[in-house]
Amino acid sequence: MSREFETYRSALVSITAKIVREEDAIVPAATVMAKAIADGGVIHVIGPGGHSNMAAEEVLWRAGGLAPINAILDAGTNLIHGAKRSNHIERLPGYAAKVLDAYGVGRQPGEVIVIANAYGINPMCVDTALEAKKRKMISIGITSKDFADSLGPDHPSRHPSGKNLYQEVDHFINCHLPYGDAVVEIDGAAQKTGPTATICNVFAINLLMIETVRQLVALGVDPPVWKSANLPGGDEANKANEAKYIPLVRHLA
């Protein structure tokens, strides 16, 4: 194994080990999610900006994942419509409220929203948390405290208030993104390679989903979990969840 491969592997092992130790934060957040699902609700999930969208995509229609996940996949920040465009839009104050309106999020007090953004500083992710508070929702933030605290207050990506996502959510799960995101140095290359942000987000959100399933079982609720459609009997096994949640989940049909 090359030195660079080993550096990347070791960094990811270290990061995921830190996230696992966030169990004391994950359990109460999953408790909120399990109760919402047991009561017939859905969990809204948003990754505000660029690659953070992949955290929301990860838990939509995912084999082994929960069915009542309403992924908010905003076209404005999706990279398919332009990477730099996404960067401009995630820095646009006030944009998040319109996205939540478009998805009908927060019409009922107590709705749960998961906000996954490893950097946790841009206006869209912080505004999403502030909007959730205004709408009397319960917010869960997946982000990195160390990164947010390390970045200067005058960076153009920052929310106008200077606040960070972890400061504005009801439940905070630290995904331990290292400063700079990339972790592998290669001789002769000025910039590090080997990014980690998506893995930080996705590993943390899947731990949250796992714990939610465990808590649903503890409540005596049969967890609405998808079976892989690529397995024998997968389509048949998923029919009940499809019938129940297609009317409630925007991008499921």
C-alpha atoms as a PDB file:
ATOM      1  CA  MET A   1       0.000   0.000   0.000  1.00  0.00           C
ATOM      2  CA  SER A   2       1.354   3.420  -0.905  1.00  0.00           C
ATOM      3  CA  ARG A   3       2.083   5.964   1.799  1.00  0.00           C
ATOM      4  CA  GLU A   4      -0.673   8.176   0.433  1.00  0.00           C
ATOM      5  CA  PHE A   5      -3.263   5.376   0.497  1.00  0.00           C
ATOM      6  CA  GLU A   6      -2.313   4.535   4.072  1.00  0.00           C
ATOM      7  CA  THR A   7      -2.547   8.199   5.096  1.00  0.00           C
ATOM      8  CA  TYR A   8      -6.063   8.429   3.690  1.00  0.00           C
ATOM      9  CA  ARG A   9      -7.166   5.148   5.245  1.00  0.00           C
ATOM     10  CA  SER A  10      -5.759   6.111   8.641  1.00  0.00           C
ATOM     11  CA  ALA A  11      -7.422   9.535   8.514  1.00  0.00           C
ATOM     12  CA  LEU A  12     -10.832   8.017   7.767  1.00  0.00           C
ATOM     13  CA  VAL A  13     -10.433   5.407  10.517  1.00  0.00           C
ATOM     14  CA  SER A  14      -9.598   8.179  12.979  1.00  0.00           C
ATOM     15  CA  ILE A  15     -12.508  10.397  11.868  1.00  0.00           C
ATOM     16  CA  THR A  16     -15.108   7.615  11.963  1.00  0.00           C
ATOM     17  CA  ALA A  17     -13.866   6.534  15.387  1.00  0.00           C
ATOM     18  CA  LYS A  18     -14.463  10.072  16.656  1.00  0.00           C
ATOM     19  CA  ILE A  19     -17.975  10.132  15.182  1.00  0.00           C
ATOM     20  CA  VAL A  20     -18.848   6.811  16.845  1.00  0.00           C
ATOM     21  CA  ARG A  21     -17.901   8.383  20.167  1.00  0.00           C
ATOM     22  CA  GLU A  22     -20.660  10.971  19.590  1.00  0.00           C
ATOM     23  CA  GLU A  23     -23.188   8.360  20.750  1.00  0.00           C
ATOM     24  CA  ASP A  24     -24.371  10.569  23.611  1.00  0.00           C
ATOM     25  CA  ALA A  25     -25.467  13.132  21.015  1.00  0.00           C
ATOM     26  CA  ILE A  26     -26.796  10.629  18.485  1.00  0.00           C
ATOM     27  CA  VAL A  27     -29.096   8.774  20.895  1.00  0.00           C
ATOM     28  CA  PRO A  28     -31.301  11.740  21.930  1.00  0.00           C
ATOM     29  CA  ALA A  29     -31.518  12.920  18.315  1.00  0.00           C
ATOM     30  CA  ALA A  30     -32.603   9.441  17.236  1.00  0.00           C
ATOM     31  CA  THR A  31     -35.156   9.398  20.064  1.00  0.00           C
ATOM     32  CA  VAL A  32     -36.823  12.457  18.540  1.00  0.00           C
ATOM     33  CA  MET A  33     -36.798  10.855  15.097  1.00  0.00           C
ATOM     34  CA  ALA A  34     -38.190   7.530  16.320  1.00  0.00           C
ATOM     35  CA  LYS A  35     -41.064   9.275  18.090  1.00  0.00           C
ATOM     36  CA  ALA A  36     -41.902  11.302  14.984  1.00  0.00           C
ATOM     37  CA  ILE A  37     -41.958   8.186  12.817  1.00  0.00           C
ATOM     38  CA  ALA A  38     -43.957   6.214  15.386  1.00  0.00           C
ATOM     39  CA  ASP A  39     -46.504   9.042  15.351  1.00  0.00           C
ATOM     40  CA  GLY A  40     -46.849   8.763  11.570  1.00  0.00           C
ATOM     41  CA  GLY A  41     -44.560  11.606  10.558  1.00  0.00           C
ATOM     42  CA  VAL A  42     -41.620  11.889   8.201  1.00  0.00           C
ATOM     43  CA  ILE A  43     -38.099  13.163   8.806  1.00  0.00           C
ATOM     44  CA  HIS A  44     -36.998  16.046   6.587  1.00  0.00           C
ATOM     45  CA  VAL A  45     -33.326  15.870   5.570  1.00  0.00           C
ATOM     46  CA  ILE A  46     -31.395  18.623   3.825  1.00  0.00           C
ATOM     47  CA  GLY A  47     -27.749  19.011   2.853  1.00  0.00           C
ATOM     48  CA  PRO A  48     -27.561  22.747   2.195  1.00  0.00           C
ATOM     49  CA  GLY A  49     -25.010  23.368  -0.518  1.00  0.00           C
ATOM     50  CA  GLY A  50     -22.875  21.493  -3.030  1.00  0.00           C
ATOM     51  CA  HIS A  51     -21.656  18.076  -1.987  1.00  0.00           C
ATOM     52  CA  SER A  52     -23.682  18.251   1.240  1.00  0.00           C
ATOM     53  CA  ASN A  53     -26.689  17.321  -0.899  1.00  0.00           C
ATOM     54  CA  MET A  54     -25.258  13.806  -1.019  1.00  0.00           C
ATOM     55  CA  ALA A  55     -26.087  13.274   2.650  1.00  0.00           C
ATOM     56  CA  ALA A  56     -29.764  13.793   1.859  1.00  0.00           C
ATOM     57  CA  GLU A  57     -29.531  11.604  -1.237  1.00  0.00           C
ATOM     58  CA  GLU A  58     -27.831   8.878   0.822  1.00  0.00           C
ATOM     59  CA  VAL A  59     -30.861   8.340   3.055  1.00  0.00           C
ATOM     60  CA  LEU A  60     -33.551   8.550   0.356  1.00  0.00           C
ATOM     61  CA  TRP A  61     -34.721   5.183  -0.999  1.00  0.00           C
ATOM     62  CA  ARG A  62     -31.666   3.535   0.544  1.00  0.00           C
ATOM     63  CA  ALA A  63     -31.494  -0.243   1.045  1.00  0.00           C
ATOM     64  CA  GLY A  64     -31.476  -0.733   4.810  1.00  0.00           C
ATOM     65  CA  GLY A  65     -32.597   2.851   5.299  1.00  0.00           C
ATOM     66  CA  LEU A  66     -35.786   4.294   6.699  1.00  0.00           C
ATOM     67  CA  ALA A  67     -38.696   4.896   4.324  1.00  0.00           C
ATOM     68  CA  PRO A  68     -40.164   8.078   5.918  1.00  0.00           C
ATOM     69  CA  ILE A  69     -37.240  10.290   4.881  1.00  0.00           C
ATOM     70  CA  ASN A  70     -38.269  13.414   2.998  1.00  0.00           C
ATOM     71  CA  ALA A  71     -35.037  14.429   1.268  1.00  0.00           C
ATOM     72  CA  ILE A  72     -34.946  18.089   0.277  1.00  0.00           C
ATOM     73  CA  LEU A  73     -32.972  18.112  -2.974  1.00  0.00           C
ATOM     74  CA  ASP A  74     -32.859  21.743  -3.997  1.00  0.00           C
ATOM     75  CA  ALA A  75     -32.023  22.332  -7.640  1.00  0.00           C
ATOM     76  CA  GLY A  76     -30.347  25.639  -6.802  1.00  0.00           C
ATOM     77  CA  THR A  77     -27.501  24.013  -4.912  1.00  0.00           C
ATOM     78  CA  ASN A  78     -27.303  20.730  -6.811  1.00  0.00           C
ATOM     79  CA  LEU A  79     -23.965  20.456  -8.599  1.00  0.00           C
ATOM     80  CA  ILE A  80     -25.609  19.187 -11.785  1.00  0.00           C
ATOM     81  CA  HIS A  81     -26.775  22.748 -12.476  1.00  0.00           C
ATOM     82  CA  GLY A  82     -23.314  24.244 -11.958  1.00  0.00           C
ATOM     83  CA  ALA A  83     -20.764  23.867  -9.190  1.00  0.00           C
ATOM     84  CA  LYS A  84     -19.880  27.540  -8.902  1.00  0.00           C
ATOM     85  CA  ARG A  85     -23.560  28.438  -9.160  1.00  0.00           C
ATOM     86  CA  SER A  86     -24.215  26.153  -6.184  1.00  0.00           C
ATOM     87  CA  ASN A  87     -21.496  27.947  -4.234  1.00  0.00           C
ATOM     88  CA  HIS A  88     -23.058  31.344  -4.926  1.00  0.00           C
ATOM     89  CA  ILE A  89     -26.537  30.193  -3.930  1.00  0.00           C
ATOM     90  CA  GLU A  90     -25.532  28.524  -0.668  1.00  0.00           C
ATOM     91  CA  ARG A  91     -24.057  31.904   0.339  1.00  0.00           C
ATOM     92  CA  LEU A  92     -27.350  33.708  -0.354  1.00  0.00           C
ATOM     93  CA  PRO A  93     -29.047  34.881   2.869  1.00  0.00           C
ATOM     94  CA  GLY A  94     -32.784  34.194   2.974  1.00  0.00           C
ATOM     95  CA  TYR A  95     -32.726  31.492   0.307  1.00  0.00           C
ATOM     96  CA  ALA A  96     -33.330  28.606   2.731  1.00  0.00           C
ATOM     97  CA  ALA A  97     -36.765  29.871   3.785  1.00  0.00           C
ATOM     98  CA  LYS A  98     -38.027  29.717   0.209  1.00  0.00           C
ATOM     99  CA  VAL A  99     -36.709  26.178  -0.239  1.00  0.00           C
ATOM    100  CA  LEU A 100     -38.495  25.025   2.923  1.00  0.00           C
ATOM    101  CA  ASP A 101     -41.659  26.756   1.726  1.00  0.00           C
ATOM    102  CA  ALA A 102     -41.440  24.978  -1.633  1.00  0.00           C
ATOM    103  CA  TYR A 103     -41.257  21.620   0.139  1.00  0.00           C
ATOM    104  CA  GLY A 104     -44.028  22.448   2.601  1.00  0.00           C
ATOM    105  CA  VAL A 105     -41.681  21.981   5.530  1.00  0.00           C
ATOM    106  CA  GLY A 106     -42.703  23.121   9.001  1.00  0.00           C
ATOM    107  CA  ARG A 107     -46.422  23.415   8.519  1.00  0.00           C
ATOM    108  CA  GLN A 108     -46.971  21.563  11.784  1.00  0.00           C
ATOM    109  CA  PRO A 109     -45.060  22.330  15.007  1.00  0.00           C
ATOM    110  CA  GLY A 110     -42.755  19.537  16.085  1.00  0.00           C
ATOM    111  CA  GLU A 111     -41.703  18.369  12.627  1.00  0.00           C
ATOM    112  CA  VAL A 112     -38.126  17.056  12.598  1.00  0.00           C
ATOM    113  CA  ILE A 113     -35.416  18.220  10.201  1.00  0.00           C
ATOM    114  CA  VAL A 114     -31.849  16.944   9.843  1.00  0.00           C
ATOM    115  CA  ILE A 115     -29.393  19.516   8.464  1.00  0.00           C
ATOM    116  CA  ALA A 116     -26.156  17.965   7.220  1.00  0.00           C
ATOM    117  CA  ASN A 117     -23.315  20.278   6.291  1.00  0.00           C
ATOM    118  CA  ALA A 118     -19.828  19.371   7.471  1.00  0.00           C
ATOM    119  CA  TYR A 119     -18.559  22.937   7.222  1.00  0.00           C
ATOM    120  CA  GLY A 120     -21.582  24.386   9.001  1.00  0.00           C
ATOM    121  CA  ILE A 121     -20.985  28.045   8.222  1.00  0.00           C
ATOM    122  CA  ASN A 122     -22.766  29.084   5.041  1.00  0.00           C
ATOM    123  CA  PRO A 123     -25.936  31.223   5.070  1.00  0.00           C
ATOM    124  CA  MET A 124     -28.161  28.488   3.680  1.00  0.00           C
ATOM    125  CA  CYS A 125     -27.354  25.925   6.369  1.00  0.00           C
ATOM    126  CA  VAL A 126     -27.517  28.409   9.242  1.00  0.00           C
ATOM    127  CA  ASP A 127     -30.717  29.983   7.845  1.00  0.00           C
ATOM    128  CA  THR A 128     -32.269  26.509   7.634  1.00  0.00           C
ATOM    129  CA  ALA A 129     -31.678  26.062  11.363  1.00  0.00           C
ATOM    130  CA  LEU A 130     -33.048  29.530  12.123  1.00  0.00           C
ATOM    131  CA  GLU A 131     -36.124  28.882   9.983  1.00  0.00           C
ATOM    132  CA  ALA A 132     -36.691  25.569  11.740  1.00  0.00           C
ATOM    133  CA  LYS A 133     -36.673  27.416  15.036  1.00  0.00           C
ATOM    134  CA  LYS A 134     -39.185  29.975  13.743  1.00  0.00           C
ATOM    135  CA  ARG A 135     -41.459  27.168  12.561  1.00  0.00           C
ATOM    136  CA  LYS A 136     -41.237  25.401  15.942  1.00  0.00           C
ATOM    137  CA  MET A 137     -39.536  22.398  14.381  1.00  0.00           C
ATOM    138  CA  ILE A 138     -36.977  20.136  16.033  1.00  0.00           C
ATOM    139  CA  SER A 139     -33.612  20.487  14.311  1.00  0.00           C
ATOM    140  CA  ILE A 140     -30.686  18.069  14.210  1.00  0.00           C
ATOM    141  CA  GLY A 141     -27.393  19.365  12.852  1.00  0.00           C
ATOM    142  CA  ILE A 142     -24.589  17.205  11.485  1.00  0.00           C
ATOM    143  CA  THR A 143     -21.504  19.390  11.211  1.00  0.00           C
ATOM    144  CA  SER A 144     -17.976  19.938  12.500  1.00  0.00           C
ATOM    145  CA  LYS A 145     -17.469  22.222  15.489  1.00  0.00           C
ATOM    146  CA  ASP A 146     -13.695  22.322  15.137  1.00  0.00           C
ATOM    147  CA  PHE A 147     -13.830  23.377  11.508  1.00  0.00           C
ATOM    148  CA  ALA A 148     -16.419  26.096  12.108  1.00  0.00           C
ATOM    149  CA  ASP A 149     -14.560  27.468  15.101  1.00  0.00           C
ATOM    150  CA  SER A 150     -11.247  27.495  13.222  1.00  0.00           C
ATOM    151  CA  LEU A 151     -12.409  29.509  10.208  1.00  0.00           C
ATOM    152  CA  GLY A 152     -12.047  33.285  10.368  1.00  0.00           C
ATOM    153  CA  PRO A 153     -15.176  35.354  11.070  1.00  0.00           C
ATOM    154  CA  ASP A 154     -14.781  37.372   7.853  1.00  0.00           C
ATOM    155  CA  HIS A 155     -14.732  34.468   5.394  1.00  0.00           C
ATOM    156  CA  PRO A 156     -17.146  35.055   2.463  1.00  0.00           C
ATOM    157  CA  SER A 157     -18.822  31.692   3.057  1.00  0.00           C
ATOM    158  CA  ARG A 158     -19.988  32.709   6.505  1.00  0.00           C
ATOM    159  CA  HIS A 159     -23.537  33.535   7.586  1.00  0.00           C
ATOM    160  CA  PRO A 160     -23.925  37.312   8.109  1.00  0.00           C
ATOM    161  CA  SER A 161     -24.440  36.727  11.838  1.00  0.00           C
ATOM    162  CA  GLY A 162     -21.119  34.918  12.138  1.00  0.00           C
ATOM    163  CA  LYS A 163     -22.966  32.025  13.770  1.00  0.00           C
ATOM    164  CA  ASN A 164     -22.305  28.376  13.040  1.00  0.00           C
ATOM    165  CA  LEU A 165     -24.796  25.596  12.377  1.00  0.00           C
ATOM    166  CA  TYR A 166     -23.955  23.736  15.571  1.00  0.00           C
ATOM    167  CA  GLN A 167     -24.913  26.783  17.635  1.00  0.00           C
ATOM    168  CA  GLU A 168     -28.433  27.058  16.212  1.00  0.00           C
ATOM    169  CA  VAL A 169     -29.791  23.475  16.214  1.00  0.00           C
ATOM    170  CA  ASP A 170     -31.601  21.607  18.966  1.00  0.00           C
ATOM    171  CA  HIS A 171     -29.393  18.519  18.588  1.00  0.00           C
ATOM    172  CA  PHE A 172     -25.796  18.682  17.373  1.00  0.00           C
ATOM    173  CA  ILE A 173     -23.843  15.672  16.079  1.00  0.00           C
ATOM    174  CA  ASN A 174     -20.174  16.410  15.482  1.00  0.00           C
ATOM    175  CA  CYS A 175     -18.967  14.849  12.222  1.00  0.00           C
ATOM    176  CA  HIS A 176     -15.349  15.870  12.938  1.00  0.00           C
ATOM    177  CA  LEU A 177     -14.430  17.259   9.529  1.00  0.00           C
ATOM    178  CA  PRO A 178     -10.716  18.126   9.681  1.00  0.00           C
ATOM    179  CA  TYR A 179      -9.709  21.686   8.862  1.00  0.00           C
ATOM    180  CA  GLY A 180      -9.231  21.966   5.114  1.00  0.00           C
ATOM    181  CA  ASP A 181     -11.252  18.827   4.307  1.00  0.00           C
ATOM    182  CA  ALA A 182      -8.493  17.110   2.284  1.00  0.00           C
ATOM    183  CA  VAL A 183      -5.963  15.119   4.305  1.00  0.00           C
ATOM    184  CA  VAL A 184      -3.331  13.621   1.979  1.00  0.00           C
ATOM    185  CA  GLU A 185      -0.093  15.398   1.103  1.00  0.00           C
ATOM    186  CA  ILE A 186       1.699  14.375  -2.090  1.00  0.00           C
ATOM    187  CA  ASP A 187       5.259  15.447  -2.702  1.00  0.00           C
ATOM    188  CA  GLY A 188       5.337  18.088  -5.405  1.00  0.00           C
ATOM    189  CA  ALA A 189       1.664  19.040  -5.062  1.00  0.00           C
ATOM    190  CA  ALA A 190       0.895  22.315  -3.324  1.00  0.00           C
ATOM    191  CA  GLN A 191      -2.662  21.381  -2.359  1.00  0.00           C
ATOM    192  CA  LYS A 192      -3.658  18.344  -0.288  1.00  0.00           C
ATOM    193  CA  THR A 193      -5.942  15.730  -1.858  1.00  0.00           C
ATOM    194  CA  GLY A 194      -8.169  13.018  -0.359  1.00  0.00           C
ATOM    195  CA  PRO A 195     -11.352  14.877   0.694  1.00  0.00           C
ATOM    196  CA  THR A 196     -13.331  13.726   3.723  1.00  0.00           C
ATOM    197  CA  ALA A 197     -16.441  15.904   4.110  1.00  0.00           C
ATOM    198  CA  THR A 198     -18.937  13.618   2.372  1.00  0.00           C
ATOM    199  CA  ILE A 199     -17.723  10.574   4.297  1.00  0.00           C
ATOM    200  CA  CYS A 200     -18.024  12.542   7.552  1.00  0.00           C
ATOM    201  CA  ASN A 201     -21.613  13.530   6.744  1.00  0.00           C
ATOM    202  CA  VAL A 202     -22.745  10.152   5.431  1.00  0.00           C
ATOM    203  CA  PHE A 203     -21.173   8.085   8.205  1.00  0.00           C
ATOM    204  CA  ALA A 204     -22.757  10.300  10.864  1.00  0.00           C
ATOM    205  CA  ILE A 205     -26.214  10.311   9.273  1.00  0.00           C
ATOM    206  CA  ASN A 206     -26.198   6.535   8.858  1.00  0.00           C
ATOM    207  CA  LEU A 207     -25.354   6.108  12.559  1.00  0.00           C
ATOM    208  CA  LEU A 208     -28.346   8.328  13.270  1.00  0.00           C
ATOM    209  CA  MET A 209     -30.565   6.142  11.096  1.00  0.00           C
ATOM    210  CA  ILE A 210     -29.282   2.936  12.695  1.00  0.00           C
ATOM    211  CA  GLU A 211     -30.028   4.230  16.177  1.00  0.00           C
ATOM    212  CA  THR A 212     -33.486   5.391  15.080  1.00  0.00           C
ATOM    213  CA  VAL A 213     -34.304   1.898  13.824  1.00  0.00           C
ATOM    214  CA  ARG A 214     -33.095   0.444  17.119  1.00  0.00           C
ATOM    215  CA  GLN A 215     -35.299   2.836  19.070  1.00  0.00           C
ATOM    216  CA  LEU A 216     -38.347   2.103  16.931  1.00  0.00           C
ATOM    217  CA  VAL A 217     -37.936  -1.578  17.794  1.00  0.00           C
ATOM    218  CA  ALA A 218     -37.676  -0.636  21.480  1.00  0.00           C
ATOM    219  CA  LEU A 219     -40.955   1.258  21.128  1.00  0.00           C
ATOM    220  CA  GLY A 220     -42.611  -1.838  19.704  1.00  0.00           C
ATOM    221  CA  VAL A 221     -42.869  -0.318  16.230  1.00  0.00           C
ATOM    222  CA  ASP A 222     -42.002  -2.353  13.138  1.00  0.00           C
ATOM    223  CA  PRO A 223     -39.349  -0.113  11.527  1.00  0.00           C
ATOM    224  CA  PRO A 224     -40.293   0.968   7.981  1.00  0.00           C
ATOM    225  CA  VAL A 225     -36.975  -0.005   6.390  1.00  0.00           C
ATOM    226  CA  TRP A 226     -36.361  -0.495   2.677  1.00  0.00           C
ATOM    227  CA  LYS A 227     -35.189  -3.818   1.300  1.00  0.00           C
ATOM    228  CA  SER A 228     -32.856  -3.598  -1.677  1.00  0.00           C
ATOM    229  CA  ALA A 229     -34.899  -3.602  -4.865  1.00  0.00           C
ATOM    230  CA  ASN A 230     -32.012  -5.546  -6.397  1.00  0.00           C
ATOM    231  CA  LEU A 231     -32.609  -8.543  -4.107  1.00  0.00           C
ATOM    232  CA  PRO A 232     -35.116 -11.306  -4.841  1.00  0.00           C
ATOM    233  CA  GLY A 233     -38.476 -10.217  -3.452  1.00  0.00           C
ATOM    234  CA  GLY A 234     -37.285  -6.653  -2.955  1.00  0.00           C
ATOM    235  CA  ASP A 235     -40.021  -4.989  -4.985  1.00  0.00           C
ATOM    236  CA  GLU A 236     -42.720  -6.971  -3.206  1.00  0.00           C
ATOM    237  CA  ALA A 237     -41.266  -6.257   0.225  1.00  0.00           C
ATOM    238  CA  ASN A 238     -41.243  -2.512  -0.441  1.00  0.00           C
ATOM    239  CA  LYS A 239     -44.811  -2.162  -1.699  1.00  0.00           C
ATOM    240  CA  ALA A 240     -46.356  -1.325   1.666  1.00  0.00           C
ATOM    241  CA  ASN A 241     -43.804   1.392   2.398  1.00  0.00           C
ATOM    242  CA  GLU A 242     -44.234   2.801  -1.095  1.00  0.00           C
ATOM    243  CA  ALA A 243     -48.008   3.008  -0.717  1.00  0.00           C
ATOM    244  CA  LYS A 244     -47.706   4.737   2.642  1.00  0.00           C
ATOM    245  CA  TYR A 245     -44.887   7.165   1.989  1.00  0.00           C
ATOM    246  CA  ILE A 246     -45.053   8.144  -1.687  1.00  0.00           C
ATOM    247  CA  PRO A 247     -47.771  10.720  -0.817  1.00  0.00           C
ATOM    248  CA  LEU A 248     -45.551  12.127   1.960  1.00  0.00           C
ATOM    249  CA  VAL A 249     -42.055  12.059   0.454  1.00  0.00           C
ATOM    250  CA  ARG A 250     -41.485  14.470  -2.449  1.00  0.00           C
ATOM    251  CA  HIS A 251     -38.835  12.548  -4.377  1.00  0.00           C
ATOM    252  CA  LEU A 252     -39.923   8.980  -3.653  1.00  0.00           C
ATOM    253  CA  ALA A 253     -42.251   8.309  -6.599  1.00  0.00           C
END
